[in-house]
Amino acid sequence: MRPVAVFRFSPSEGPAYFADWLDRHAVDWRLITVDEGASVPVDPLEYSGIGMMGGPMSVTDPLPWIGSLSGLLRNAVAQRVPVIGHCLGGQLLAQALGARVRRSATPEIGWTDVEVPDTTSGREWFGGRRRFTVFQWHYEIFDLPPGATRVLTNAFNPDQAYVVDDIHLGLQCHVEMTPALVESWCDIAAAEIAAPTLPSLQPRGEILRDMPARIGALQAVADDVYARWAQALRR
């Protein structure tokens, strides 16, 4: 099988549990370090799938790689090379497919509950769960791309995840978290969580509370999400 292309946009937001899952299931993958100046590939058929991680930048920033990555994503969707985007990655996919990405009135930081709409896609992608807790750290949100199906929602931001053609998944949340990644973000962005002013924002103490149980439950969700996504990987 051709490798999965995994795009990293910031050194602080690597593939984490996504890489662990790929390794555990003997799925070959290649890290494309956009943050270090790596070029965006042209042909999506070089890969069995495309994964995108998060990042602190905005998809509306004038970054030199946005245009070429958008083209790659559109071609991947057209040629049915499965794409998965985490947070910034979900926003990049949404924008590439013609959806608006904008500032949210209710940014989310920390552990929040999401709900799965009662649809076949929602049930299949999230292992039959109707409600669970995810990790969030975002200030912007996406609209649904044309033809997409909403598969996660919550009271803060209704479009939490979407599926396109039943093989491409854009997530606003982070399911790839590990304890080390959560702790490092709390250290790097300490000022952002020092004095939360909205109910959708949590302080450091709450974010780090019950970490083993929360991470364990989140990774169980991630196992189902990644397994569902990997069904469509190109051979």
C-alpha atoms as a PDB file:
ATOM      1  CA  MET A   1       0.000   0.000   0.000  1.00  0.00           C
ATOM      2  CA  ARG A   2       1.136   3.527  -0.726  1.00  0.00           C
ATOM      3  CA  PRO A   3       1.884   5.585   2.401  1.00  0.00           C
ATOM      4  CA  VAL A   4      -0.489   8.016   4.075  1.00  0.00           C
ATOM      5  CA  ALA A   5       0.677  11.617   3.761  1.00  0.00           C
ATOM      6  CA  VAL A   6       0.535  13.325   7.165  1.00  0.00           C
ATOM      7  CA  PHE A   7       0.799  17.111   7.042  1.00  0.00           C
ATOM      8  CA  ARG A   8       2.276  18.954  10.019  1.00  0.00           C
ATOM      9  CA  PHE A   9       1.791  22.729  10.113  1.00  0.00           C
ATOM     10  CA  SER A  10       3.408  23.479  13.484  1.00  0.00           C
ATOM     11  CA  PRO A  11       6.174  21.672  15.411  1.00  0.00           C
ATOM     12  CA  SER A  12       3.914  21.732  18.482  1.00  0.00           C
ATOM     13  CA  GLU A  13       1.069  19.898  16.710  1.00  0.00           C
ATOM     14  CA  GLY A  14       2.437  16.618  15.429  1.00  0.00           C
ATOM     15  CA  PRO A  15       0.433  13.503  14.559  1.00  0.00           C
ATOM     16  CA  ALA A  16       0.541  12.115  18.132  1.00  0.00           C
ATOM     17  CA  TYR A  17      -2.073   9.368  18.556  1.00  0.00           C
ATOM     18  CA  PHE A  18      -2.897   9.386  14.832  1.00  0.00           C
ATOM     19  CA  ALA A  19       0.680   8.214  14.178  1.00  0.00           C
ATOM     20  CA  ASP A  20       0.416   5.689  16.998  1.00  0.00           C
ATOM     21  CA  TRP A  21      -2.721   4.247  15.429  1.00  0.00           C
ATOM     22  CA  LEU A  22      -1.172   4.048  11.963  1.00  0.00           C
ATOM     23  CA  ASP A  23       1.933   2.326  13.353  1.00  0.00           C
ATOM     24  CA  ARG A  24      -0.115  -0.124  15.402  1.00  0.00           C
ATOM     25  CA  HIS A  25      -2.080  -1.135  12.322  1.00  0.00           C
ATOM     26  CA  ALA A  26       1.009  -1.355  10.079  1.00  0.00           C
ATOM     27  CA  VAL A  27      -0.104   1.543   7.873  1.00  0.00           C
ATOM     28  CA  ASP A  28       2.921   3.195   6.302  1.00  0.00           C
ATOM     29  CA  TRP A  29       2.968   6.999   6.527  1.00  0.00           C
ATOM     30  CA  ARG A  30       5.146   9.954   5.567  1.00  0.00           C
ATOM     31  CA  LEU A  31       5.369  13.172   7.567  1.00  0.00           C
ATOM     32  CA  ILE A  32       5.274  16.313   5.417  1.00  0.00           C
ATOM     33  CA  THR A  33       6.668  19.112   7.566  1.00  0.00           C
ATOM     34  CA  VAL A  34       5.093  22.213   6.055  1.00  0.00           C
ATOM     35  CA  ASP A  35       6.326  24.129   9.108  1.00  0.00           C
ATOM     36  CA  GLU A  36       9.898  23.388   8.001  1.00  0.00           C
ATOM     37  CA  GLY A  37       9.321  24.402   4.390  1.00  0.00           C
ATOM     38  CA  ALA A  38       8.478  21.004   2.889  1.00  0.00           C
ATOM     39  CA  SER A  39       6.773  21.239  -0.490  1.00  0.00           C
ATOM     40  CA  VAL A  40       3.171  20.212  -0.931  1.00  0.00           C
ATOM     41  CA  PRO A  41       2.915  17.173  -3.244  1.00  0.00           C
ATOM     42  CA  VAL A  42       1.080  17.616  -6.517  1.00  0.00           C
ATOM     43  CA  ASP A  43      -0.468  14.207  -7.110  1.00  0.00           C
ATOM     44  CA  PRO A  44      -2.735  12.758  -4.382  1.00  0.00           C
ATOM     45  CA  LEU A  45      -2.529   9.328  -6.020  1.00  0.00           C
ATOM     46  CA  GLU A  46       1.011   9.020  -4.674  1.00  0.00           C
ATOM     47  CA  TYR A  47      -0.635   8.332  -1.324  1.00  0.00           C
ATOM     48  CA  SER A  48      -3.237   5.962   0.060  1.00  0.00           C
ATOM     49  CA  GLY A  49      -4.733   8.789   2.121  1.00  0.00           C
ATOM     50  CA  ILE A  50      -4.068  12.299   3.401  1.00  0.00           C
ATOM     51  CA  GLY A  51      -4.092  13.310   7.066  1.00  0.00           C
ATOM     52  CA  MET A  52      -3.789  16.889   8.318  1.00  0.00           C
ATOM     53  CA  MET A  53      -3.022  17.993  11.841  1.00  0.00           C
ATOM     54  CA  GLY A  54      -3.734  21.242  13.668  1.00  0.00           C
ATOM     55  CA  GLY A  55      -1.892  24.531  13.873  1.00  0.00           C
ATOM     56  CA  PRO A  56      -2.109  28.015  15.403  1.00  0.00           C
ATOM     57  CA  MET A  57      -2.474  29.828  12.088  1.00  0.00           C
ATOM     58  CA  SER A  58      -5.649  30.713  10.204  1.00  0.00           C
ATOM     59  CA  VAL A  59      -6.610  29.318   6.824  1.00  0.00           C
ATOM     60  CA  THR A  60      -7.248  32.930   5.800  1.00  0.00           C
ATOM     61  CA  ASP A  61      -3.629  33.927   6.476  1.00  0.00           C
ATOM     62  CA  PRO A  62      -1.571  34.708   3.331  1.00  0.00           C
ATOM     63  CA  LEU A  63       0.595  31.610   3.677  1.00  0.00           C
ATOM     64  CA  PRO A  64       2.483  30.435   0.575  1.00  0.00           C
ATOM     65  CA  TRP A  65       1.376  26.806   0.841  1.00  0.00           C
ATOM     66  CA  ILE A  66      -2.388  27.359   1.242  1.00  0.00           C
ATOM     67  CA  GLY A  67      -3.132  27.483  -2.487  1.00  0.00           C
ATOM     68  CA  SER A  68      -1.139  24.384  -3.414  1.00  0.00           C
ATOM     69  CA  LEU A  69      -2.558  22.395  -0.501  1.00  0.00           C
ATOM     70  CA  SER A  70      -6.109  23.420  -1.431  1.00  0.00           C
ATOM     71  CA  GLY A  71      -5.509  22.150  -4.942  1.00  0.00           C
ATOM     72  CA  LEU A  72      -4.158  18.857  -3.630  1.00  0.00           C
ATOM     73  CA  LEU A  73      -7.196  18.419  -1.382  1.00  0.00           C
ATOM     74  CA  ARG A  74      -9.678  19.124  -4.162  1.00  0.00           C
ATOM     75  CA  ASN A  75      -7.920  16.590  -6.374  1.00  0.00           C
ATOM     76  CA  ALA A  76      -7.869  14.050  -3.550  1.00  0.00           C
ATOM     77  CA  VAL A  77     -11.616  14.387  -3.064  1.00  0.00           C
ATOM     78  CA  ALA A  78     -12.226  14.160  -6.810  1.00  0.00           C
ATOM     79  CA  GLN A  79     -10.068  11.015  -7.052  1.00  0.00           C
ATOM     80  CA  ARG A  80     -11.405   9.468  -3.822  1.00  0.00           C
ATOM     81  CA  VAL A  81      -8.145   9.522  -1.917  1.00  0.00           C
ATOM     82  CA  PRO A  82      -9.497   9.726   1.664  1.00  0.00           C
ATOM     83  CA  VAL A  83      -8.701  12.877   3.628  1.00  0.00           C
ATOM     84  CA  ILE A  84      -8.931  13.450   7.367  1.00  0.00           C
ATOM     85  CA  GLY A  85      -8.389  16.851   8.941  1.00  0.00           C
ATOM     86  CA  HIS A  86      -7.973  17.629  12.646  1.00  0.00           C
ATOM     87  CA  CYS A  87      -8.995  21.176  13.682  1.00  0.00           C
ATOM     88  CA  LEU A  88      -6.931  23.380  11.310  1.00  0.00           C
ATOM     89  CA  GLY A  89      -6.890  20.385   8.965  1.00  0.00           C
ATOM     90  CA  GLY A  90     -10.692  20.248   8.991  1.00  0.00           C
ATOM     91  CA  GLN A  91     -10.814  23.975   8.290  1.00  0.00           C
ATOM     92  CA  LEU A  92      -8.351  23.621   5.403  1.00  0.00           C
ATOM     93  CA  LEU A  93     -10.440  20.876   3.818  1.00  0.00           C
ATOM     94  CA  ALA A  94     -13.643  22.882   4.269  1.00  0.00           C
ATOM     95  CA  GLN A  95     -12.126  25.964   2.662  1.00  0.00           C
ATOM     96  CA  ALA A  96     -10.647  23.957  -0.221  1.00  0.00           C
ATOM     97  CA  LEU A  97     -14.137  22.610  -0.952  1.00  0.00           C
ATOM     98  CA  GLY A  98     -15.723  26.056  -1.000  1.00  0.00           C
ATOM     99  CA  ALA A  99     -16.910  26.537   2.588  1.00  0.00           C
ATOM    100  CA  ARG A 100     -16.364  29.640   4.697  1.00  0.00           C
ATOM    101  CA  VAL A 101     -13.993  29.591   7.675  1.00  0.00           C
ATOM    102  CA  ARG A 102     -14.523  32.411  10.151  1.00  0.00           C
ATOM    103  CA  ARG A 103     -13.888  33.619  13.697  1.00  0.00           C
ATOM    104  CA  SER A 104     -16.150  31.974  16.265  1.00  0.00           C
ATOM    105  CA  ALA A 105     -18.127  33.970  18.818  1.00  0.00           C
ATOM    106  CA  THR A 106     -17.514  31.084  21.226  1.00  0.00           C
ATOM    107  CA  PRO A 107     -13.973  29.706  20.882  1.00  0.00           C
ATOM    108  CA  GLU A 108     -13.411  26.408  22.675  1.00  0.00           C
ATOM    109  CA  ILE A 109     -10.453  25.337  24.782  1.00  0.00           C
ATOM    110  CA  GLY A 110     -10.464  22.185  26.877  1.00  0.00           C
ATOM    111  CA  TRP A 111     -12.787  19.202  27.188  1.00  0.00           C
ATOM    112  CA  THR A 112     -16.272  19.614  25.721  1.00  0.00           C
ATOM    113  CA  ASP A 113     -19.128  17.287  24.898  1.00  0.00           C
ATOM    114  CA  VAL A 114     -20.283  16.738  21.344  1.00  0.00           C
ATOM    115  CA  GLU A 115     -23.363  14.995  20.022  1.00  0.00           C
ATOM    116  CA  VAL A 116     -23.751  12.714  17.016  1.00  0.00           C
ATOM    117  CA  PRO A 117     -26.794  13.474  14.843  1.00  0.00           C
ATOM    118  CA  ASP A 118     -29.037  10.473  14.307  1.00  0.00           C
ATOM    119  CA  THR A 119     -27.781   9.638  10.834  1.00  0.00           C
ATOM    120  CA  THR A 120     -26.237   6.548   9.329  1.00  0.00           C
ATOM    121  CA  SER A 121     -22.947   8.405   8.755  1.00  0.00           C
ATOM    122  CA  GLY A 122     -22.784   9.621  12.332  1.00  0.00           C
ATOM    123  CA  ARG A 123     -23.413   6.184  13.776  1.00  0.00           C
ATOM    124  CA  GLU A 124     -20.841   4.534  11.517  1.00  0.00           C
ATOM    125  CA  TRP A 125     -18.059   7.066  12.028  1.00  0.00           C
ATOM    126  CA  PHE A 126     -18.289   7.189  15.816  1.00  0.00           C
ATOM    127  CA  GLY A 127     -18.922   3.581  16.728  1.00  0.00           C
ATOM    128  CA  GLY A 128     -22.612   4.008  17.479  1.00  0.00           C
ATOM    129  CA  ARG A 129     -21.985   6.665  20.140  1.00  0.00           C
ATOM    130  CA  ARG A 130     -24.562   9.418  20.514  1.00  0.00           C
ATOM    131  CA  ARG A 131     -22.557  11.697  22.832  1.00  0.00           C
ATOM    132  CA  PHE A 132     -18.935  11.842  24.000  1.00  0.00           C
ATOM    133  CA  THR A 133     -16.210  14.237  25.152  1.00  0.00           C
ATOM    134  CA  VAL A 134     -13.480  15.608  22.885  1.00  0.00           C
ATOM    135  CA  PHE A 135     -10.561  17.996  23.237  1.00  0.00           C
ATOM    136  CA  GLN A 136     -10.809  21.441  21.693  1.00  0.00           C
ATOM    137  CA  TRP A 137      -8.466  24.364  21.115  1.00  0.00           C
ATOM    138  CA  HIS A 138      -9.764  26.692  18.413  1.00  0.00           C
ATOM    139  CA  TYR A 139     -10.838  30.257  17.723  1.00  0.00           C
ATOM    140  CA  GLU A 140     -12.207  29.749  14.204  1.00  0.00           C
ATOM    141  CA  ILE A 141     -14.923  27.489  12.810  1.00  0.00           C
ATOM    142  CA  PHE A 142     -15.978  26.174   9.412  1.00  0.00           C
ATOM    143  CA  ASP A 143     -19.273  26.101   7.578  1.00  0.00           C
ATOM    144  CA  LEU A 144     -20.210  22.795   5.970  1.00  0.00           C
ATOM    145  CA  PRO A 145     -18.794  22.343   2.459  1.00  0.00           C
ATOM    146  CA  PRO A 146     -21.333  21.797  -0.338  1.00  0.00           C
ATOM    147  CA  GLY A 147     -22.661  18.251  -0.197  1.00  0.00           C
ATOM    148  CA  ALA A 148     -21.150  17.502   3.214  1.00  0.00           C
ATOM    149  CA  THR A 149     -23.017  15.763   6.035  1.00  0.00           C
ATOM    150  CA  ARG A 150     -22.740  17.074   9.594  1.00  0.00           C
ATOM    151  CA  VAL A 151     -21.698  14.220  11.903  1.00  0.00           C
ATOM    152  CA  LEU A 152     -20.838  16.088  15.136  1.00  0.00           C
ATOM    153  CA  THR A 153     -22.402  19.111  16.799  1.00  0.00           C
ATOM    154  CA  ASN A 154     -22.595  20.919  20.148  1.00  0.00           C
ATOM    155  CA  ALA A 155     -24.148  23.967  21.769  1.00  0.00           C
ATOM    156  CA  PHE A 156     -21.108  26.208  21.258  1.00  0.00           C
ATOM    157  CA  ASN A 157     -20.510  25.613  17.539  1.00  0.00           C
ATOM    158  CA  PRO A 158     -22.998  23.486  15.581  1.00  0.00           C
ATOM    159  CA  ASP A 159     -20.600  22.303  12.859  1.00  0.00           C
ATOM    160  CA  GLN A 160     -18.107  20.177  14.790  1.00  0.00           C
ATOM    161  CA  ALA A 161     -17.393  17.564  12.112  1.00  0.00           C
ATOM    162  CA  TYR A 162     -18.515  16.687   8.608  1.00  0.00           C
ATOM    163  CA  VAL A 163     -18.156  13.882   6.104  1.00  0.00           C
ATOM    164  CA  VAL A 164     -17.840  14.237   2.333  1.00  0.00           C
ATOM    165  CA  ASP A 165     -18.654  11.304   0.025  1.00  0.00           C
ATOM    166  CA  ASP A 166     -18.590   9.071   3.125  1.00  0.00           C
ATOM    167  CA  ILE A 167     -14.775   8.836   3.007  1.00  0.00           C
ATOM    168  CA  HIS A 168     -13.414  12.311   3.841  1.00  0.00           C
ATOM    169  CA  LEU A 169     -13.700  13.611   7.418  1.00  0.00           C
ATOM    170  CA  GLY A 170     -13.196  17.151   8.676  1.00  0.00           C
ATOM    171  CA  LEU A 171     -13.020  17.557  12.460  1.00  0.00           C
ATOM    172  CA  GLN A 172     -13.132  20.824  14.398  1.00  0.00           C
ATOM    173  CA  CYS A 173     -11.983  18.964  17.508  1.00  0.00           C
ATOM    174  CA  HIS A 174      -8.820  17.041  18.336  1.00  0.00           C
ATOM    175  CA  VAL A 175      -9.118  13.262  18.723  1.00  0.00           C
ATOM    176  CA  GLU A 176      -5.359  12.725  18.313  1.00  0.00           C
ATOM    177  CA  MET A 177      -4.411  13.899  21.799  1.00  0.00           C
ATOM    178  CA  THR A 178      -1.965  12.236  24.183  1.00  0.00           C
ATOM    179  CA  PRO A 179      -1.185  13.363  27.739  1.00  0.00           C
ATOM    180  CA  ALA A 180       2.143  14.823  26.612  1.00  0.00           C
ATOM    181  CA  LEU A 181       0.471  16.819  23.845  1.00  0.00           C
ATOM    182  CA  VAL A 182      -2.184  18.251  26.165  1.00  0.00           C
ATOM    183  CA  GLU A 183       0.421  19.263  28.724  1.00  0.00           C
ATOM    184  CA  SER A 184       2.693  20.840  26.115  1.00  0.00           C
ATOM    185  CA  TRP A 185      -0.130  22.989  24.736  1.00  0.00           C
ATOM    186  CA  CYS A 186      -0.993  24.137  28.245  1.00  0.00           C
ATOM    187  CA  ASP A 187       2.635  25.176  28.696  1.00  0.00           C
ATOM    188  CA  ILE A 188       3.020  26.841  25.294  1.00  0.00           C
ATOM    189  CA  ALA A 189      -0.273  28.750  25.500  1.00  0.00           C
ATOM    190  CA  ALA A 190      -0.410  29.367  29.245  1.00  0.00           C
ATOM    191  CA  ALA A 191      -1.614  32.943  28.798  1.00  0.00           C
ATOM    192  CA  GLU A 192      -4.678  31.771  26.829  1.00  0.00           C
ATOM    193  CA  ILE A 193      -5.961  29.685  29.737  1.00  0.00           C
ATOM    194  CA  ALA A 194      -4.845  31.837  32.656  1.00  0.00           C
ATOM    195  CA  ALA A 195      -8.187  33.613  33.162  1.00  0.00           C
ATOM    196  CA  PRO A 196     -10.986  32.178  30.995  1.00  0.00           C
ATOM    197  CA  THR A 197     -13.906  34.526  30.371  1.00  0.00           C
ATOM    198  CA  LEU A 198     -16.343  32.203  28.595  1.00  0.00           C
ATOM    199  CA  PRO A 199     -17.919  28.879  29.623  1.00  0.00           C
ATOM    200  CA  SER A 200     -16.400  27.325  26.493  1.00  0.00           C
ATOM    201  CA  LEU A 201     -12.870  28.060  27.783  1.00  0.00           C
ATOM    202  CA  GLN A 202     -11.272  26.046  30.590  1.00  0.00           C
ATOM    203  CA  PRO A 203      -8.341  26.864  32.888  1.00  0.00           C
ATOM    204  CA  ARG A 204      -5.256  24.697  33.110  1.00  0.00           C
ATOM    205  CA  GLY A 205      -6.401  22.862  36.228  1.00  0.00           C
ATOM    206  CA  GLU A 206      -9.633  21.721  34.628  1.00  0.00           C
ATOM    207  CA  ILE A 207      -7.893  20.742  31.398  1.00  0.00           C
ATOM    208  CA  LEU A 208      -5.429  18.512  33.266  1.00  0.00           C
ATOM    209  CA  ARG A 209      -8.005  17.003  35.641  1.00  0.00           C
ATOM    210  CA  ASP A 210      -8.667  13.247  35.272  1.00  0.00           C
ATOM    211  CA  MET A 211      -6.218  13.099  32.378  1.00  0.00           C
ATOM    212  CA  PRO A 212      -5.794   9.290  32.180  1.00  0.00           C
ATOM    213  CA  ALA A 213      -9.543   8.639  32.065  1.00  0.00           C
ATOM    214  CA  ARG A 214     -10.244  11.445  29.619  1.00  0.00           C
ATOM    215  CA  ILE A 215      -7.429  10.480  27.267  1.00  0.00           C
ATOM    216  CA  GLY A 216      -8.401   6.824  27.440  1.00  0.00           C
ATOM    217  CA  ALA A 217     -11.986   7.606  26.462  1.00  0.00           C
ATOM    218  CA  LEU A 218     -10.872   9.981  23.705  1.00  0.00           C
ATOM    219  CA  GLN A 219      -8.492   7.438  22.210  1.00  0.00           C
ATOM    220  CA  ALA A 220     -11.264   4.849  22.170  1.00  0.00           C
ATOM    221  CA  VAL A 221     -13.241   7.286  20.007  1.00  0.00           C
ATOM    222  CA  ALA A 222     -10.169   7.896  17.858  1.00  0.00           C
ATOM    223  CA  ASP A 223      -9.727   4.157  17.346  1.00  0.00           C
ATOM    224  CA  ASP A 224     -13.212   3.941  15.819  1.00  0.00           C
ATOM    225  CA  VAL A 225     -12.796   7.117  13.761  1.00  0.00           C
ATOM    226  CA  TYR A 226      -9.442   6.096  12.308  1.00  0.00           C
ATOM    227  CA  ALA A 227     -10.589   2.543  11.601  1.00  0.00           C
ATOM    228  CA  ARG A 228     -13.620   3.860   9.724  1.00  0.00           C
ATOM    229  CA  TRP A 229     -11.487   6.308   7.762  1.00  0.00           C
ATOM    230  CA  ALA A 230      -8.860   3.697   6.922  1.00  0.00           C
ATOM    231  CA  GLN A 231     -11.443   1.459   5.246  1.00  0.00           C
ATOM    232  CA  ALA A 232     -11.192   3.665   2.144  1.00  0.00           C
ATOM    233  CA  LEU A 233      -7.393   3.918   1.935  1.00  0.00           C
ATOM    234  CA  ARG A 234      -6.187   3.426  -1.623  1.00  0.00           C
ATOM    235  CA  ARG A 235      -4.343   0.180  -2.227  1.00  0.00           C
END
